[in-house]
Amino acid sequence: MSVQLAVEHFDHQTRYYPANGGWRIDAASRCIVIGKGLPRTHIPLDNVVAWRVESVPPTTRED
């Protein structure tokens, strides 16, 4: 099962970020940091209204 972060910004956009590599909130830089290795994604908390962790159902491919 995969997980993703759904992040709602102040401009009413919701963006989805894959979070299988983990995520954390960095209080010093006031960011959500997604990923443990490189590259990492940094989302400033000043632009965020809400976030939630969602499970992503497995996809099936039909060839």
PDB file of N, CA and C in Angstrom:
ATOM      1  N   MET A   1       0.844  -1.176   0.000  1.00  0.00           N
ATOM      2  CA  MET A   1       0.000   0.000   0.000  1.00  0.00           C
ATOM      3  C   MET A   1       0.892   1.242   0.000  1.00  0.00           C
ATOM      4  N   SER A   2       0.521   2.202  -0.800  1.00  0.00           N
ATOM      5  CA  SER A   2       1.251   3.448  -0.900  1.00  0.00           C
ATOM      6  C   SER A   2       0.505   4.543  -0.141  1.00  0.00           C
ATOM      7  N   VAL A   3       1.244   5.556   0.276  1.00  0.00           N
ATOM      8  CA  VAL A   3       0.628   6.706   0.940  1.00  0.00           C
ATOM      9  C   VAL A   3       1.056   7.982   0.223  1.00  0.00           C
ATOM     10  N   GLN A   4       0.223   9.006   0.387  1.00  0.00           N
ATOM     11  CA  GLN A   4       0.534  10.309  -0.178  1.00  0.00           C
ATOM     12  C   GLN A   4       0.101  11.382   0.805  1.00  0.00           C
ATOM     13  N   LEU A   5       0.720  12.552   0.704  1.00  0.00           N
ATOM     14  CA  LEU A   5       0.299  13.705   1.481  1.00  0.00           C
ATOM     15  C   LEU A   5      -0.555  14.582   0.579  1.00  0.00           C
ATOM     16  N   ALA A   6      -1.729  14.933   1.036  1.00  0.00           N
ATOM     17  CA  ALA A   6      -2.589  15.881   0.341  1.00  0.00           C
ATOM     18  C   ALA A   6      -2.435  17.208   1.081  1.00  0.00           C
ATOM     19  N   VAL A   7      -1.865  18.205   0.408  1.00  0.00           N
ATOM     20  CA  VAL A   7      -1.557  19.490   1.034  1.00  0.00           C
ATOM     21  C   VAL A   7      -2.440  20.560   0.411  1.00  0.00           C
ATOM     22  N   GLU A   8      -3.228  21.240   1.256  1.00  0.00           N
ATOM     23  CA  GLU A   8      -4.078  22.330   0.787  1.00  0.00           C
ATOM     24  C   GLU A   8      -3.371  23.652   1.076  1.00  0.00           C
ATOM     25  N   HIS A   9      -3.210  24.464   0.034  1.00  0.00           N
ATOM     26  CA  HIS A   9      -2.512  25.749   0.146  1.00  0.00           C
ATOM     27  C   HIS A   9      -3.518  26.883   0.300  1.00  0.00           C
ATOM     28  N   PHE A  10      -3.020  28.078   0.687  1.00  0.00           N
ATOM     29  CA  PHE A  10      -3.884  29.235   0.886  1.00  0.00           C
ATOM     30  C   PHE A  10      -4.578  29.688  -0.396  1.00  0.00           C
ATOM     31  N   ASP A  11      -4.029  29.360  -1.555  1.00  0.00           N
ATOM     32  CA  ASP A  11      -4.663  29.748  -2.818  1.00  0.00           C
ATOM     33  C   ASP A  11      -5.697  28.717  -3.277  1.00  0.00           C
ATOM     34  N   HIS A  12      -6.161  27.864  -2.359  1.00  0.00           N
ATOM     35  CA  HIS A  12      -7.215  26.871  -2.577  1.00  0.00           C
ATOM     36  C   HIS A  12      -6.805  25.766  -3.555  1.00  0.00           C
ATOM     37  N   GLN A  13      -5.528  25.542  -3.702  1.00  0.00           N
ATOM     38  CA  GLN A  13      -5.053  24.422  -4.504  1.00  0.00           C
ATOM     39  C   GLN A  13      -4.699  23.274  -3.571  1.00  0.00           C
ATOM     40  N   THR A  14      -5.042  22.075  -3.985  1.00  0.00           N
ATOM     41  CA  THR A  14      -4.640  20.877  -3.253  1.00  0.00           C
ATOM     42  C   THR A  14      -3.645  20.134  -4.115  1.00  0.00           C
ATOM     43  N   ARG A  15      -2.480  19.874  -3.555  1.00  0.00           N
ATOM     44  CA  ARG A  15      -1.439  19.147  -4.280  1.00  0.00           C
ATOM     45  C   ARG A  15      -1.157  17.850  -3.548  1.00  0.00           C
ATOM     46  N   TYR A  16      -0.810  16.844  -4.324  1.00  0.00           N
ATOM     47  CA  TYR A  16      -0.583  15.505  -3.782  1.00  0.00           C
ATOM     48  C   TYR A  16       0.882  15.139  -3.971  1.00  0.00           C
ATOM     49  N   TYR A  17       1.509  14.659  -2.899  1.00  0.00           N
ATOM     50  CA  TYR A  17       2.918  14.299  -2.915  1.00  0.00           C
ATOM     51  C   TYR A  17       3.074  12.856  -2.451  1.00  0.00           C
ATOM     52  N   PRO A  18       3.764  12.009  -3.218  1.00  0.00           N
ATOM     53  CA  PRO A  18       4.007  10.643  -2.755  1.00  0.00           C
ATOM     54  C   PRO A  18       4.899  10.668  -1.517  1.00  0.00           C
ATOM     55  N   ALA A  19       4.523   9.899  -0.505  1.00  0.00           N
ATOM     56  CA  ALA A  19       5.249   9.955   0.768  1.00  0.00           C
ATOM     57  C   ALA A  19       5.685   8.570   1.226  1.00  0.00           C
ATOM     58  N   ASN A  20       5.971   7.673   0.311  1.00  0.00           N
ATOM     59  CA  ASN A  20       6.412   6.336   0.696  1.00  0.00           C
ATOM     60  C   ASN A  20       7.779   6.357   1.351  1.00  0.00           C
ATOM     61  N   GLY A  21       8.591   7.355   1.036  1.00  0.00           N
ATOM     62  CA  GLY A  21       9.916   7.465   1.635  1.00  0.00           C
ATOM     63  C   GLY A  21       9.899   8.123   2.996  1.00  0.00           C
ATOM     64  N   GLY A  22       8.721   8.488   3.483  1.00  0.00           N
ATOM     65  CA  GLY A  22       8.597   9.124   4.786  1.00  0.00           C
ATOM     66  C   GLY A  22       8.444  10.629   4.664  1.00  0.00           C
ATOM     67  N   TRP A  23       8.019  11.238   5.754  1.00  0.00           N
ATOM     68  CA  TRP A  23       7.884  12.682   5.801  1.00  0.00           C
ATOM     69  C   TRP A  23       8.008  13.126   7.248  1.00  0.00           C
ATOM     70  N   ARG A  24       8.309  14.401   7.434  1.00  0.00           N
ATOM     71  CA  ARG A  24       8.423  14.956   8.785  1.00  0.00           C
ATOM     72  C   ARG A  24       8.189  16.456   8.719  1.00  0.00           C
ATOM     73  N   ILE A  25       7.950  17.055   9.867  1.00  0.00           N
ATOM     74  CA  ILE A  25       7.834  18.502   9.953  1.00  0.00           C
ATOM     75  C   ILE A  25       9.108  19.017  10.589  1.00  0.00           C
ATOM     76  N   ASP A  26       9.803  19.900   9.887  1.00  0.00           N
ATOM     77  CA  ASP A  26      11.033  20.487  10.390  1.00  0.00           C
ATOM     78  C   ASP A  26      10.696  21.829  11.027  1.00  0.00           C
ATOM     79  N   ALA A  27      10.757  21.894  12.342  1.00  0.00           N
ATOM     80  CA  ALA A  27      10.369  23.100  13.068  1.00  0.00           C
ATOM     81  C   ALA A  27      11.344  24.251  12.823  1.00  0.00           C
ATOM     82  N   ALA A  28      12.616  23.955  12.635  1.00  0.00           N
ATOM     83  CA  ALA A  28      13.606  25.017  12.446  1.00  0.00           C
ATOM     84  C   ALA A  28      13.367  25.789  11.144  1.00  0.00           C
ATOM     85  N   SER A  29      13.057  25.077  10.070  1.00  0.00           N
ATOM     86  CA  SER A  29      12.840  25.749   8.787  1.00  0.00           C
ATOM     87  C   SER A  29      11.354  25.967   8.485  1.00  0.00           C
ATOM     88  N   ARG A  30      10.465  25.491   9.383  1.00  0.00           N
ATOM     89  CA  ARG A  30       9.021  25.615   9.222  1.00  0.00           C
ATOM     90  C   ARG A  30       8.557  25.053   7.882  1.00  0.00           C
ATOM     91  N   CYS A  31       8.966  23.814   7.612  1.00  0.00           N
ATOM     92  CA  CYS A  31       8.630  23.141   6.357  1.00  0.00           C
ATOM     93  C   CYS A  31       8.182  21.713   6.627  1.00  0.00           C
ATOM     94  N   ILE A  32       7.364  21.198   5.708  1.00  0.00           N
ATOM     95  CA  ILE A  32       7.116  19.767   5.641  1.00  0.00           C
ATOM     96  C   ILE A  32       8.188  19.220   4.716  1.00  0.00           C
ATOM     97  N   VAL A  33       8.946  18.245   5.184  1.00  0.00           N
ATOM     98  CA  VAL A  33      10.009  17.638   4.390  1.00  0.00           C
ATOM     99  C   VAL A  33       9.552  16.240   4.002  1.00  0.00           C
ATOM    100  N   ILE A  34       9.484  15.995   2.705  1.00  0.00           N
ATOM    101  CA  ILE A  34       9.033  14.706   2.196  1.00  0.00           C
ATOM    102  C   ILE A  34      10.230  13.982   1.600  1.00  0.00           C
ATOM    103  N   GLY A  35      10.487  12.770   2.084  1.00  0.00           N
ATOM    104  CA  GLY A  35      11.597  11.960   1.609  1.00  0.00           C
ATOM    105  C   GLY A  35      12.748  11.976   2.585  1.00  0.00           C
ATOM    106  N   LYS A  36      13.494  10.879   2.603  1.00  0.00           N
ATOM    107  CA  LYS A  36      14.658  10.777   3.487  1.00  0.00           C
ATOM    108  C   LYS A  36      15.957  10.888   2.723  1.00  0.00           C
ATOM    109  N   GLY A  37      15.964  10.448   1.493  1.00  0.00           N
ATOM    110  CA  GLY A  37      17.166  10.535   0.671  1.00  0.00           C
ATOM    111  C   GLY A  37      17.135  11.808  -0.160  1.00  0.00           C
ATOM    112  N   LEU A  38      17.900  11.795  -1.207  1.00  0.00           N
ATOM    113  CA  LEU A  38      17.888  12.927  -2.128  1.00  0.00           C
ATOM    114  C   LEU A  38      17.203  12.503  -3.400  1.00  0.00           C
ATOM    115  N   PRO A  39      16.422  13.269  -4.029  1.00  0.00           N
ATOM    116  CA  PRO A  39      16.008  14.627  -3.658  1.00  0.00           C
ATOM    117  C   PRO A  39      14.871  14.597  -2.632  1.00  0.00           C
ATOM    118  N   ARG A  40      14.767  15.670  -1.890  1.00  0.00           N
ATOM    119  CA  ARG A  40      13.701  15.852  -0.920  1.00  0.00           C
ATOM    120  C   ARG A  40      12.808  16.989  -1.395  1.00  0.00           C
ATOM    121  N   THR A  41      11.577  16.971  -0.958  1.00  0.00           N
ATOM    122  CA  THR A  41      10.654  18.052  -1.273  1.00  0.00           C
ATOM    123  C   THR A  41      10.399  18.842  -0.002  1.00  0.00           C
ATOM    124  N   HIS A  42      10.535  20.169  -0.084  1.00  0.00           N
ATOM    125  CA  HIS A  42      10.269  21.052   1.051  1.00  0.00           C
ATOM    126  C   HIS A  42       9.040  21.896   0.737  1.00  0.00           C
ATOM    127  N   ILE A  43       8.063  21.865   1.637  1.00  0.00           N
ATOM    128  CA  ILE A  43       6.847  22.648   1.476  1.00  0.00           C
ATOM    129  C   ILE A  43       6.763  23.610   2.665  1.00  0.00           C
ATOM    130  N   PRO A  44       6.877  24.917   2.422  1.00  0.00           N
ATOM    131  CA  PRO A  44       6.811  25.883   3.530  1.00  0.00           C
ATOM    132  C   PRO A  44       5.448  25.854   4.216  1.00  0.00           C
ATOM    133  N   LEU A  45       5.460  25.778   5.543  1.00  0.00           N
ATOM    134  CA  LEU A  45       4.212  25.729   6.299  1.00  0.00           C
ATOM    135  C   LEU A  45       3.453  27.048   6.264  1.00  0.00           C
ATOM    136  N   ASP A  46       4.124  28.151   5.927  1.00  0.00           N
ATOM    137  CA  ASP A  46       3.448  29.442   5.854  1.00  0.00           C
ATOM    138  C   ASP A  46       2.411  29.480   4.737  1.00  0.00           C
ATOM    139  N   ASN A  47       2.534  28.597   3.744  1.00  0.00           N
ATOM    140  CA  ASN A  47       1.601  28.554   2.619  1.00  0.00           C
ATOM    141  C   ASN A  47       0.546  27.464   2.762  1.00  0.00           C
ATOM    142  N   VAL A  48       0.570  26.720   3.873  1.00  0.00           N
ATOM    143  CA  VAL A  48      -0.277  25.540   4.013  1.00  0.00           C
ATOM    144  C   VAL A  48      -1.446  25.821   4.958  1.00  0.00           C
ATOM    145  N   VAL A  49      -2.655  25.465   4.502  1.00  0.00           N
ATOM    146  CA  VAL A  49      -3.840  25.568   5.351  1.00  0.00           C
ATOM    147  C   VAL A  49      -4.029  24.269   6.127  1.00  0.00           C
ATOM    148  N   ALA A  50      -3.915  23.126   5.418  1.00  0.00           N
ATOM    149  CA  ALA A  50      -4.123  21.813   6.030  1.00  0.00           C
ATOM    150  C   ALA A  50      -3.393  20.762   5.216  1.00  0.00           C
ATOM    151  N   TRP A  51      -3.116  19.624   5.873  1.00  0.00           N
ATOM    152  CA  TRP A  51      -2.558  18.483   5.160  1.00  0.00           C
ATOM    153  C   TRP A  51      -3.107  17.219   5.796  1.00  0.00           C
ATOM    154  N   ARG A  52      -3.105  16.161   4.990  1.00  0.00           N
ATOM    155  CA  ARG A  52      -3.573  14.880   5.487  1.00  0.00           C
ATOM    156  C   ARG A  52      -2.818  13.763   4.773  1.00  0.00           C
ATOM    157  N   VAL A  53      -2.728  12.640   5.450  1.00  0.00           N
ATOM    158  CA  VAL A  53      -2.089  11.462   4.883  1.00  0.00           C
ATOM    159  C   VAL A  53      -3.183  10.571   4.333  1.00  0.00           C
ATOM    160  N   GLU A  54      -3.041  10.167   3.072  1.00  0.00           N
ATOM    161  CA  GLU A  54      -4.045   9.331   2.414  1.00  0.00           C
ATOM    162  C   GLU A  54      -3.397   8.062   1.901  1.00  0.00           C
ATOM    163  N   SER A  55      -4.147   6.976   1.932  1.00  0.00           N
ATOM    164  CA  SER A  55      -3.662   5.748   1.309  1.00  0.00           C
ATOM    165  C   SER A  55      -4.047   5.780  -0.165  1.00  0.00           C
ATOM    166  N   VAL A  56      -3.190   5.207  -0.976  1.00  0.00           N
ATOM    167  CA  VAL A  56      -3.414   5.166  -2.417  1.00  0.00           C
ATOM    168  C   VAL A  56      -3.672   3.719  -2.796  1.00  0.00           C
ATOM    169  N   PRO A  57      -4.832   3.439  -3.370  1.00  0.00           N
ATOM    170  CA  PRO A  57      -5.103   2.051  -3.758  1.00  0.00           C
ATOM    171  C   PRO A  57      -4.171   1.619  -4.871  1.00  0.00           C
ATOM    172  N   PRO A  58      -3.812   0.339  -4.906  1.00  0.00           N
ATOM    173  CA  PRO A  58      -2.947  -0.125  -5.984  1.00  0.00           C
ATOM    174  C   PRO A  58      -3.649   0.003  -7.328  1.00  0.00           C
ATOM    175  N   THR A  59      -2.884   0.353  -8.334  1.00  0.00           N
ATOM    176  CA  THR A  59      -3.448   0.492  -9.669  1.00  0.00           C
ATOM    177  C   THR A  59      -3.280  -0.818 -10.423  1.00  0.00           C
ATOM    178  N   THR A  60      -4.208  -1.060 -11.308  1.00  0.00           N
ATOM    179  CA  THR A  60      -4.112  -2.255 -12.155  1.00  0.00           C
ATOM    180  C   THR A  60      -3.956  -1.799 -13.598  1.00  0.00           C
ATOM    181  N   ARG A  61      -3.075  -2.472 -14.294  1.00  0.00           N
ATOM    182  CA  ARG A  61      -2.853  -2.154 -15.706  1.00  0.00           C
ATOM    183  C   ARG A  61      -3.443  -3.255 -16.554  1.00  0.00           C
ATOM    184  N   GLU A  62      -4.132  -2.823 -17.558  1.00  0.00           N
ATOM    185  CA  GLU A  62      -4.657  -3.795 -18.521  1.00  0.00           C
ATOM    186  C   GLU A  62      -3.996  -3.535 -19.853  1.00  0.00           C
ATOM    187  N   ASP A  63      -3.250  -4.486 -20.338  1.00  0.00           N
ATOM    188  CA  ASP A  63      -2.543  -4.323 -21.617  1.00  0.00           C
ATOM    189  C   ASP A  63      -3.305  -4.952 -22.749  1.00  0.00           C
TER     190      ASP A  63
END
